[in-house]
């Protein structure tokens, strides 16, 4: 997953998608906050929303902090120490870029499906027009039609399984 711009190489955590879940949680809902009275525990919203253990969440946040994706801030107020993890500018850029890429992939999948539907309907129209032609040409058109549908079917299959 090496890249340019907002993309960063997450290795050795690349196969660990916990960081991605946390990144998008911070991107969409804001900081993960808690105080000295209500520590980060299994009942915290972030733990339950992300379906992670407290240990997984804190370890991954620590690694993300080392990579410069999140920052940890503390402040004292009313005798309590408030703690929160927020996205850094780099973390925001990575989340934003990944969100845009996901949207582009969804649009591309939709375009492939639409193209397949249009091609299939054009093929049906062509076959309808060919029905009045000699039988030898009908067989050729049928073979070409099946070949084209197979190509589109493989394209759709590969596109759908890419993500």
N, C-alpha and C. Protein backbone atom coordinates (compact mmCIF):
# COMPACT_ATOMS: atom_id res chain seq x y z
N UNK A 1 0.82 -1.18 0.00
CA UNK A 1 0.00 0.00 0.00
C UNK A 1 0.86 1.24 0.00
N UNK A 2 1.95 1.24 -0.72
CA UNK A 2 2.76 2.43 -0.82
C UNK A 2 2.05 3.41 -1.71
N UNK A 3 2.17 4.69 -1.41
CA UNK A 3 1.47 5.67 -2.22
C UNK A 3 2.10 7.03 -2.12
N UNK A 4 1.39 7.98 -2.71
CA UNK A 4 1.85 9.36 -2.72
C UNK A 4 0.84 10.22 -1.99
N UNK A 5 1.22 11.44 -1.71
CA UNK A 5 0.30 12.40 -1.13
C UNK A 5 -0.18 11.97 0.24
N UNK A 6 -1.49 11.89 0.38
CA UNK A 6 -2.08 11.58 1.68
C UNK A 6 -1.95 10.11 2.04
N UNK A 7 -1.61 9.26 1.07
CA UNK A 7 -1.45 7.85 1.39
C UNK A 7 -0.14 7.64 2.12
N UNK A 8 -0.18 6.76 3.09
CA UNK A 8 1.04 6.42 3.81
C UNK A 8 1.16 4.92 3.84
N UNK A 9 2.36 4.45 4.00
CA UNK A 9 2.60 3.02 4.09
C UNK A 9 2.41 2.63 5.55
N UNK A 10 1.39 1.81 5.82
CA UNK A 10 1.01 1.47 7.19
C UNK A 10 1.76 0.27 7.74
N UNK A 11 2.61 -0.37 6.96
CA UNK A 11 3.30 -1.57 7.41
C UNK A 11 4.00 -1.29 8.73
N UNK A 12 3.98 -2.19 9.67
CA UNK A 12 3.50 -3.57 9.64
C UNK A 12 2.02 -3.70 9.97
N UNK A 13 1.27 -2.64 10.02
CA UNK A 13 -0.13 -2.70 10.41
C UNK A 13 -1.05 -2.79 9.19
N UNK A 14 -0.49 -2.91 8.02
CA UNK A 14 -1.23 -2.88 6.78
C UNK A 14 -2.37 -3.89 6.77
N UNK A 15 -2.11 -5.09 7.26
CA UNK A 15 -3.14 -6.12 7.26
C UNK A 15 -4.09 -5.96 8.44
N UNK A 16 -3.77 -5.08 9.35
CA UNK A 16 -4.58 -4.82 10.53
C UNK A 16 -5.51 -3.66 10.23
N UNK A 17 -6.75 -3.96 9.91
CA UNK A 17 -7.69 -2.91 9.52
C UNK A 17 -8.30 -2.17 10.71
N UNK A 18 -7.84 -2.47 11.91
CA UNK A 18 -8.35 -1.75 13.08
C UNK A 18 -8.05 -0.26 12.96
N UNK A 19 -6.86 0.05 12.45
CA UNK A 19 -6.48 1.46 12.31
C UNK A 19 -7.44 2.16 11.36
N UNK A 20 -7.89 1.46 10.33
CA UNK A 20 -8.80 2.06 9.36
C UNK A 20 -10.16 2.35 9.99
N UNK A 21 -10.65 1.40 10.79
CA UNK A 21 -11.93 1.60 11.48
C UNK A 21 -11.84 2.80 12.41
N UNK A 22 -10.74 2.89 13.15
CA UNK A 22 -10.56 4.00 14.10
C UNK A 22 -10.41 5.32 13.35
N UNK A 23 -9.65 5.30 12.26
CA UNK A 23 -9.44 6.50 11.45
C UNK A 23 -10.78 7.05 10.97
N UNK A 24 -11.63 6.19 10.41
CA UNK A 24 -12.93 6.65 9.92
C UNK A 24 -13.86 7.05 11.05
N UNK A 25 -13.75 6.39 12.20
CA UNK A 25 -14.56 6.79 13.35
C UNK A 25 -14.20 8.22 13.77
N UNK A 26 -12.92 8.49 13.87
CA UNK A 26 -12.47 9.84 14.24
C UNK A 26 -12.86 10.86 13.16
N UNK A 27 -12.77 10.45 11.91
CA UNK A 27 -13.08 11.33 10.78
C UNK A 27 -14.57 11.69 10.76
N UNK A 28 -15.41 10.71 11.05
CA UNK A 28 -16.85 10.93 10.92
C UNK A 28 -17.51 11.43 12.21
N UNK A 29 -16.99 11.02 13.36
CA UNK A 29 -17.68 11.38 14.61
C UNK A 29 -16.90 12.32 15.51
N UNK A 30 -15.64 12.56 15.21
CA UNK A 30 -14.86 13.45 16.05
C UNK A 30 -14.00 12.71 17.05
N UNK A 31 -13.44 13.44 18.01
CA UNK A 31 -12.47 12.88 18.96
C UNK A 31 -13.03 11.74 19.81
N UNK A 32 -12.13 10.89 20.25
CA UNK A 32 -12.44 9.89 21.27
C UNK A 32 -12.01 10.52 22.59
N UNK A 33 -13.00 10.85 23.43
CA UNK A 33 -12.72 11.59 24.67
C UNK A 33 -13.14 10.78 25.89
N UNK A 34 -12.42 11.00 26.96
CA UNK A 34 -12.77 10.41 28.25
C UNK A 34 -12.05 11.21 29.32
N UNK A 35 -12.40 10.99 30.60
CA UNK A 35 -11.74 11.72 31.69
C UNK A 35 -11.24 10.74 32.74
N UNK A 36 -10.55 11.28 33.74
CA UNK A 36 -9.93 10.43 34.76
C UNK A 36 -10.97 9.69 35.59
N UNK A 37 -12.20 10.20 35.63
CA UNK A 37 -13.26 9.51 36.37
C UNK A 37 -13.89 8.40 35.53
N UNK A 38 -14.00 8.63 34.26
CA UNK A 38 -14.59 7.66 33.32
C UNK A 38 -13.54 7.26 32.30
N UNK A 39 -12.70 6.33 32.70
CA UNK A 39 -11.60 5.91 31.82
C UNK A 39 -12.13 5.21 30.57
N UNK A 40 -11.25 5.04 29.63
CA UNK A 40 -11.57 4.30 28.42
C UNK A 40 -11.74 2.84 28.81
N UNK A 41 -12.98 2.35 28.78
CA UNK A 41 -13.25 0.97 29.17
C UNK A 41 -14.20 0.33 28.17
N UNK A 42 -14.60 -0.90 28.45
CA UNK A 42 -15.43 -1.64 27.50
C UNK A 42 -16.79 -1.00 27.28
N UNK A 43 -17.22 -0.11 28.16
CA UNK A 43 -18.51 0.56 28.01
C UNK A 43 -18.42 1.88 27.24
N UNK A 44 -17.21 2.28 26.88
CA UNK A 44 -17.04 3.53 26.13
C UNK A 44 -17.65 3.38 24.74
N UNK A 45 -18.28 4.44 24.26
CA UNK A 45 -18.93 4.39 22.94
C UNK A 45 -17.98 3.95 21.83
N UNK A 46 -16.77 4.46 21.84
CA UNK A 46 -15.82 4.12 20.77
C UNK A 46 -15.51 2.63 20.76
N UNK A 47 -15.39 2.02 21.93
CA UNK A 47 -15.08 0.58 22.02
C UNK A 47 -16.23 -0.22 21.44
N UNK A 48 -17.46 0.12 21.83
CA UNK A 48 -18.61 -0.63 21.32
C UNK A 48 -18.89 -0.32 19.86
N UNK A 49 -18.78 0.95 19.44
CA UNK A 49 -19.02 1.32 18.04
C UNK A 49 -18.05 0.63 17.09
N UNK A 50 -16.81 0.51 17.51
CA UNK A 50 -15.77 -0.06 16.64
C UNK A 50 -15.66 -1.57 16.78
N UNK A 51 -16.35 -2.14 17.75
CA UNK A 51 -16.31 -3.58 17.99
C UNK A 51 -14.86 -4.05 18.22
N UNK A 52 -14.17 -3.31 19.10
CA UNK A 52 -12.79 -3.63 19.48
C UNK A 52 -12.72 -3.78 20.98
N UNK A 53 -11.68 -4.45 21.46
CA UNK A 53 -11.43 -4.48 22.89
C UNK A 53 -10.73 -3.17 23.26
N UNK A 54 -10.73 -2.86 24.53
CA UNK A 54 -10.03 -1.66 25.01
C UNK A 54 -8.55 -1.74 24.64
N UNK A 55 -7.97 -2.93 24.82
CA UNK A 55 -6.55 -3.12 24.50
C UNK A 55 -6.28 -2.90 23.01
N UNK A 56 -7.14 -3.44 22.15
CA UNK A 56 -6.96 -3.24 20.70
C UNK A 56 -7.06 -1.76 20.35
N UNK A 57 -8.03 -1.08 20.93
CA UNK A 57 -8.22 0.34 20.66
C UNK A 57 -7.02 1.15 21.12
N UNK A 58 -6.59 0.96 22.36
CA UNK A 58 -5.47 1.76 22.87
C UNK A 58 -4.16 1.44 22.16
N UNK A 59 -3.91 0.16 21.85
CA UNK A 59 -2.68 -0.20 21.13
C UNK A 59 -2.67 0.40 19.72
N UNK A 60 -3.80 0.33 19.05
CA UNK A 60 -3.87 0.85 17.69
C UNK A 60 -3.78 2.37 17.70
N UNK A 61 -4.43 3.02 18.65
CA UNK A 61 -4.32 4.48 18.76
C UNK A 61 -2.87 4.88 19.02
N UNK A 62 -2.17 4.10 19.83
CA UNK A 62 -0.76 4.38 20.11
C UNK A 62 0.08 4.29 18.83
N UNK A 63 -0.16 3.24 18.03
CA UNK A 63 0.58 3.09 16.77
C UNK A 63 0.24 4.21 15.80
N UNK A 64 -1.04 4.59 15.77
CA UNK A 64 -1.47 5.68 14.89
C UNK A 64 -0.84 7.00 15.33
N UNK A 65 -0.68 7.15 16.63
CA UNK A 65 -0.02 8.35 17.16
C UNK A 65 1.44 8.38 16.73
N UNK A 66 2.11 7.22 16.79
CA UNK A 66 3.51 7.13 16.36
C UNK A 66 3.66 7.47 14.88
N UNK A 67 2.63 7.15 14.08
CA UNK A 67 2.66 7.43 12.65
C UNK A 67 2.22 8.86 12.32
N UNK A 68 1.79 9.59 13.33
CA UNK A 68 1.38 10.97 13.10
C UNK A 68 -0.04 11.13 12.60
N UNK A 69 -0.87 10.09 12.75
CA UNK A 69 -2.26 10.17 12.29
C UNK A 69 -3.20 10.75 13.34
N UNK A 70 -2.88 10.51 14.61
CA UNK A 70 -3.70 11.04 15.69
C UNK A 70 -2.79 11.72 16.72
N UNK A 71 -3.41 12.60 17.48
CA UNK A 71 -2.67 13.20 18.59
C UNK A 71 -3.48 13.01 19.86
N UNK A 72 -2.76 12.96 20.96
CA UNK A 72 -3.34 12.72 22.28
C UNK A 72 -3.19 14.00 23.07
N UNK A 73 -4.31 14.51 23.56
CA UNK A 73 -4.29 15.76 24.32
C UNK A 73 -4.91 15.53 25.69
N UNK A 74 -4.34 16.20 26.66
CA UNK A 74 -4.92 16.18 28.01
C UNK A 74 -5.15 17.60 28.47
N UNK A 75 -6.17 17.78 29.31
CA UNK A 75 -6.43 19.08 29.91
C UNK A 75 -7.10 18.84 31.26
N UNK A 76 -6.92 19.78 32.17
CA UNK A 76 -7.52 19.65 33.51
C UNK A 76 -8.69 20.61 33.61
N UNK A 77 -9.81 20.09 34.12
CA UNK A 77 -11.00 20.93 34.27
C UNK A 77 -11.85 20.36 35.39
N UNK A 78 -12.24 21.20 36.32
CA UNK A 78 -13.08 20.79 37.45
C UNK A 78 -12.51 19.60 38.21
N UNK A 79 -11.20 19.55 38.37
CA UNK A 79 -10.56 18.50 39.13
C UNK A 79 -10.42 17.19 38.37
N UNK A 80 -10.88 17.14 37.13
CA UNK A 80 -10.75 15.94 36.32
C UNK A 80 -9.74 16.17 35.20
N UNK A 81 -9.05 15.12 34.86
CA UNK A 81 -8.13 15.20 33.72
C UNK A 81 -8.88 14.69 32.50
N UNK A 82 -9.10 15.58 31.54
CA UNK A 82 -9.79 15.21 30.30
C UNK A 82 -8.75 14.76 29.28
N UNK A 83 -9.05 13.65 28.61
CA UNK A 83 -8.13 13.09 27.64
C UNK A 83 -8.88 12.89 26.33
N UNK A 84 -8.20 13.15 25.21
CA UNK A 84 -8.87 12.89 23.94
C UNK A 84 -7.86 12.63 22.82
N UNK A 85 -8.29 11.77 21.93
CA UNK A 85 -7.55 11.47 20.71
C UNK A 85 -8.26 12.17 19.56
N UNK A 86 -7.51 12.93 18.78
CA UNK A 86 -8.07 13.60 17.62
C UNK A 86 -7.18 13.33 16.40
N UNK A 87 -7.76 13.52 15.23
CA UNK A 87 -6.98 13.37 14.00
C UNK A 87 -6.02 14.53 13.85
N UNK A 88 -4.83 14.24 13.40
CA UNK A 88 -3.91 15.29 12.99
C UNK A 88 -4.29 15.70 11.58
N UNK A 89 -3.64 16.71 11.07
CA UNK A 89 -3.89 17.12 9.68
C UNK A 89 -3.57 15.96 8.73
N UNK A 90 -2.48 15.27 9.02
CA UNK A 90 -2.10 14.11 8.21
C UNK A 90 -3.17 13.02 8.29
N UNK A 91 -3.68 12.75 9.49
CA UNK A 91 -4.73 11.75 9.67
C UNK A 91 -6.00 12.13 8.93
N UNK A 92 -6.34 13.41 8.99
CA UNK A 92 -7.52 13.89 8.26
C UNK A 92 -7.33 13.70 6.76
N UNK A 93 -6.15 14.05 6.26
CA UNK A 93 -5.87 13.89 4.83
C UNK A 93 -5.97 12.43 4.39
N UNK A 94 -5.43 11.52 5.19
CA UNK A 94 -5.48 10.10 4.87
C UNK A 94 -6.94 9.62 4.85
N UNK A 95 -7.71 9.98 5.87
CA UNK A 95 -9.12 9.57 5.94
C UNK A 95 -9.91 10.14 4.78
N UNK A 96 -9.68 11.40 4.48
CA UNK A 96 -10.39 12.05 3.38
C UNK A 96 -10.06 11.39 2.05
N UNK A 97 -8.80 11.11 1.82
CA UNK A 97 -8.37 10.47 0.57
C UNK A 97 -8.97 9.07 0.45
N UNK A 98 -8.97 8.32 1.53
CA UNK A 98 -9.55 6.96 1.50
C UNK A 98 -11.06 7.04 1.26
N UNK A 99 -11.74 8.01 1.85
CA UNK A 99 -13.17 8.19 1.64
C UNK A 99 -13.46 8.51 0.17
N UNK A 100 -12.66 9.39 -0.42
CA UNK A 100 -12.84 9.72 -1.84
C UNK A 100 -12.59 8.51 -2.72
N UNK A 101 -11.57 7.73 -2.40
CA UNK A 101 -11.28 6.52 -3.18
C UNK A 101 -12.43 5.51 -3.09
N UNK A 102 -12.99 5.35 -1.90
CA UNK A 102 -14.13 4.45 -1.73
C UNK A 102 -15.31 4.91 -2.58
N UNK A 103 -15.55 6.22 -2.59
CA UNK A 103 -16.65 6.76 -3.40
C UNK A 103 -16.40 6.52 -4.89
N UNK A 104 -15.16 6.74 -5.32
CA UNK A 104 -14.82 6.50 -6.73
C UNK A 104 -15.02 5.04 -7.11
N UNK A 105 -14.63 4.13 -6.23
CA UNK A 105 -14.80 2.71 -6.51
C UNK A 105 -16.28 2.35 -6.62
N UNK A 106 -17.12 2.93 -5.76
CA UNK A 106 -18.56 2.68 -5.84
C UNK A 106 -19.13 3.19 -7.17
N UNK A 107 -18.70 4.38 -7.57
CA UNK A 107 -19.16 4.95 -8.84
C UNK A 107 -18.70 4.09 -10.00
N UNK A 108 -17.45 3.64 -9.96
CA UNK A 108 -16.93 2.80 -11.04
C UNK A 108 -17.71 1.48 -11.14
N UNK A 109 -18.04 0.88 -10.00
CA UNK A 109 -18.81 -0.36 -10.03
C UNK A 109 -20.19 -0.12 -10.65
N UNK A 110 -20.80 1.01 -10.28
CA UNK A 110 -22.11 1.34 -10.85
C UNK A 110 -22.02 1.56 -12.35
N UNK A 111 -20.95 2.21 -12.80
CA UNK A 111 -20.78 2.44 -14.23
C UNK A 111 -20.58 1.13 -14.99
N UNK A 112 -19.84 0.20 -14.40
CA UNK A 112 -19.65 -1.10 -15.04
C UNK A 112 -20.99 -1.81 -15.18
N UNK A 113 -21.79 -1.78 -14.14
CA UNK A 113 -23.11 -2.42 -14.20
C UNK A 113 -23.99 -1.76 -15.25
N UNK A 114 -24.00 -0.44 -15.30
CA UNK A 114 -24.80 0.28 -16.28
C UNK A 114 -24.33 -0.05 -17.69
N UNK A 115 -23.03 -0.10 -17.89
CA UNK A 115 -22.48 -0.45 -19.19
C UNK A 115 -22.93 -1.85 -19.60
N UNK A 116 -22.91 -2.77 -18.67
CA UNK A 116 -23.34 -4.14 -18.96
C UNK A 116 -24.81 -4.17 -19.37
N UNK A 117 -25.64 -3.43 -18.65
CA UNK A 117 -27.07 -3.38 -18.97
C UNK A 117 -27.28 -2.79 -20.37
N UNK A 118 -26.57 -1.70 -20.66
CA UNK A 118 -26.70 -1.08 -21.98
C UNK A 118 -26.20 -2.01 -23.08
N UNK A 119 -25.11 -2.67 -22.84
CA UNK A 119 -24.57 -3.60 -23.84
C UNK A 119 -25.52 -4.77 -24.05
N UNK A 120 -26.07 -5.29 -22.98
CA UNK A 120 -27.00 -6.41 -23.10
C UNK A 120 -28.26 -5.99 -23.86
N UNK A 121 -28.78 -4.80 -23.58
CA UNK A 121 -29.98 -4.36 -24.31
C UNK A 121 -29.66 -4.11 -25.78
N UNK A 122 -28.49 -3.55 -26.07
CA UNK A 122 -28.09 -3.36 -27.48
C UNK A 122 -27.94 -4.71 -28.16
N UNK A 123 -27.42 -5.67 -27.45
CA UNK A 123 -27.26 -7.02 -28.00
C UNK A 123 -28.61 -7.66 -28.30
N UNK A 124 -29.55 -7.48 -27.41
CA UNK A 124 -30.90 -8.01 -27.62
C UNK A 124 -31.54 -7.37 -28.85
N UNK A 125 -31.37 -6.06 -28.99
CA UNK A 125 -31.90 -5.37 -30.16
C UNK A 125 -31.25 -5.89 -31.44
N UNK A 126 -29.95 -6.12 -31.39
CA UNK A 126 -29.24 -6.63 -32.57
C UNK A 126 -29.73 -8.02 -32.93
N UNK A 127 -29.90 -8.86 -31.93
CA UNK A 127 -30.37 -10.22 -32.18
C UNK A 127 -31.78 -10.18 -32.77
N UNK A 128 -32.61 -9.28 -32.27
CA UNK A 128 -33.97 -9.14 -32.82
C UNK A 128 -33.93 -8.77 -34.30
N UNK A 129 -33.01 -7.91 -34.67
CA UNK A 129 -32.89 -7.49 -36.06
C UNK A 129 -32.34 -8.61 -36.93
N UNK A 130 -31.55 -9.49 -36.37
CA UNK A 130 -30.89 -10.54 -37.13
C UNK A 130 -31.81 -11.74 -37.35
N UNK A 131 -32.88 -11.82 -36.61
CA UNK A 131 -33.76 -13.00 -36.69
C UNK A 131 -34.21 -13.26 -38.14
N UNK A 132 -34.38 -12.20 -38.91
CA UNK A 132 -34.86 -12.37 -40.29
C UNK A 132 -33.72 -12.69 -41.26
N UNK A 133 -32.51 -12.83 -40.77
CA UNK A 133 -31.36 -13.13 -41.64
C UNK A 133 -31.15 -14.64 -41.74
N UNK A 134 -30.32 -15.06 -42.70
CA UNK A 134 -30.07 -16.50 -42.86
C UNK A 134 -29.51 -17.13 -41.58
N UNK A 135 -29.74 -18.42 -41.44
CA UNK A 135 -29.39 -19.14 -40.23
C UNK A 135 -27.89 -19.12 -39.93
N UNK A 136 -27.04 -19.19 -40.92
CA UNK A 136 -25.60 -19.20 -40.69
C UNK A 136 -25.13 -17.90 -40.03
N UNK A 137 -25.72 -16.79 -40.40
CA UNK A 137 -25.35 -15.51 -39.78
C UNK A 137 -25.90 -15.43 -38.36
N UNK A 138 -27.08 -16.00 -38.13
CA UNK A 138 -27.66 -16.01 -36.77
C UNK A 138 -26.74 -16.73 -35.79
N UNK A 139 -26.15 -17.83 -36.23
CA UNK A 139 -25.23 -18.56 -35.36
C UNK A 139 -24.00 -17.72 -35.04
N UNK A 140 -23.47 -17.03 -36.02
CA UNK A 140 -22.30 -16.16 -35.81
C UNK A 140 -22.64 -15.04 -34.83
N UNK A 141 -23.80 -14.43 -35.01
CA UNK A 141 -24.22 -13.34 -34.10
C UNK A 141 -24.41 -13.89 -32.69
N UNK A 142 -24.97 -15.07 -32.56
CA UNK A 142 -25.17 -15.67 -31.24
C UNK A 142 -23.83 -15.92 -30.55
N UNK A 143 -22.86 -16.42 -31.30
CA UNK A 143 -21.53 -16.68 -30.73
C UNK A 143 -20.88 -15.38 -30.29
N UNK A 144 -20.94 -14.35 -31.12
CA UNK A 144 -20.36 -13.05 -30.77
C UNK A 144 -21.07 -12.47 -29.55
N UNK A 145 -22.40 -12.59 -29.49
CA UNK A 145 -23.17 -12.07 -28.36
C UNK A 145 -22.76 -12.75 -27.06
N UNK A 146 -22.62 -14.07 -27.10
CA UNK A 146 -22.22 -14.81 -25.91
C UNK A 146 -20.81 -14.40 -25.48
N UNK A 147 -19.92 -14.24 -26.43
CA UNK A 147 -18.55 -13.82 -26.14
C UNK A 147 -18.55 -12.45 -25.46
N UNK A 148 -19.31 -11.50 -25.99
CA UNK A 148 -19.37 -10.15 -25.41
C UNK A 148 -19.95 -10.20 -24.00
N UNK A 149 -21.02 -10.97 -23.80
CA UNK A 149 -21.59 -11.09 -22.46
C UNK A 149 -20.60 -11.70 -21.47
N UNK A 150 -19.84 -12.68 -21.92
CA UNK A 150 -18.81 -13.28 -21.06
C UNK A 150 -17.75 -12.26 -20.66
N UNK A 151 -17.32 -11.46 -21.63
CA UNK A 151 -16.31 -10.43 -21.33
C UNK A 151 -16.85 -9.46 -20.29
N UNK A 152 -18.09 -8.99 -20.48
CA UNK A 152 -18.67 -8.07 -19.50
C UNK A 152 -18.87 -8.75 -18.15
N UNK A 153 -19.29 -10.01 -18.17
CA UNK A 153 -19.48 -10.73 -16.91
C UNK A 153 -18.18 -10.87 -16.13
N UNK A 154 -17.09 -11.19 -16.83
CA UNK A 154 -15.77 -11.29 -16.18
C UNK A 154 -15.36 -9.93 -15.64
N UNK A 155 -15.60 -8.87 -16.42
CA UNK A 155 -15.28 -7.52 -15.97
C UNK A 155 -16.01 -7.13 -14.71
N UNK A 156 -17.29 -7.45 -14.67
CA UNK A 156 -18.10 -7.15 -13.48
C UNK A 156 -17.60 -7.96 -12.28
N UNK A 157 -17.31 -9.25 -12.51
CA UNK A 157 -16.82 -10.11 -11.44
C UNK A 157 -15.50 -9.57 -10.88
N UNK A 158 -14.58 -9.20 -11.75
CA UNK A 158 -13.28 -8.69 -11.29
C UNK A 158 -13.44 -7.36 -10.57
N UNK A 159 -14.31 -6.50 -11.06
CA UNK A 159 -14.54 -5.20 -10.42
C UNK A 159 -15.17 -5.39 -9.04
N UNK A 160 -16.14 -6.28 -8.94
CA UNK A 160 -16.83 -6.50 -7.67
C UNK A 160 -15.90 -7.14 -6.64
N UNK A 161 -14.96 -7.96 -7.08
CA UNK A 161 -14.06 -8.65 -6.15
C UNK A 161 -12.76 -7.90 -5.90
N UNK A 162 -12.61 -6.73 -6.48
CA UNK A 162 -11.38 -5.96 -6.31
C UNK A 162 -11.25 -5.43 -4.89
N UNK A 163 -12.37 -5.09 -4.26
CA UNK A 163 -12.31 -4.49 -2.92
C UNK A 163 -12.56 -5.48 -1.84
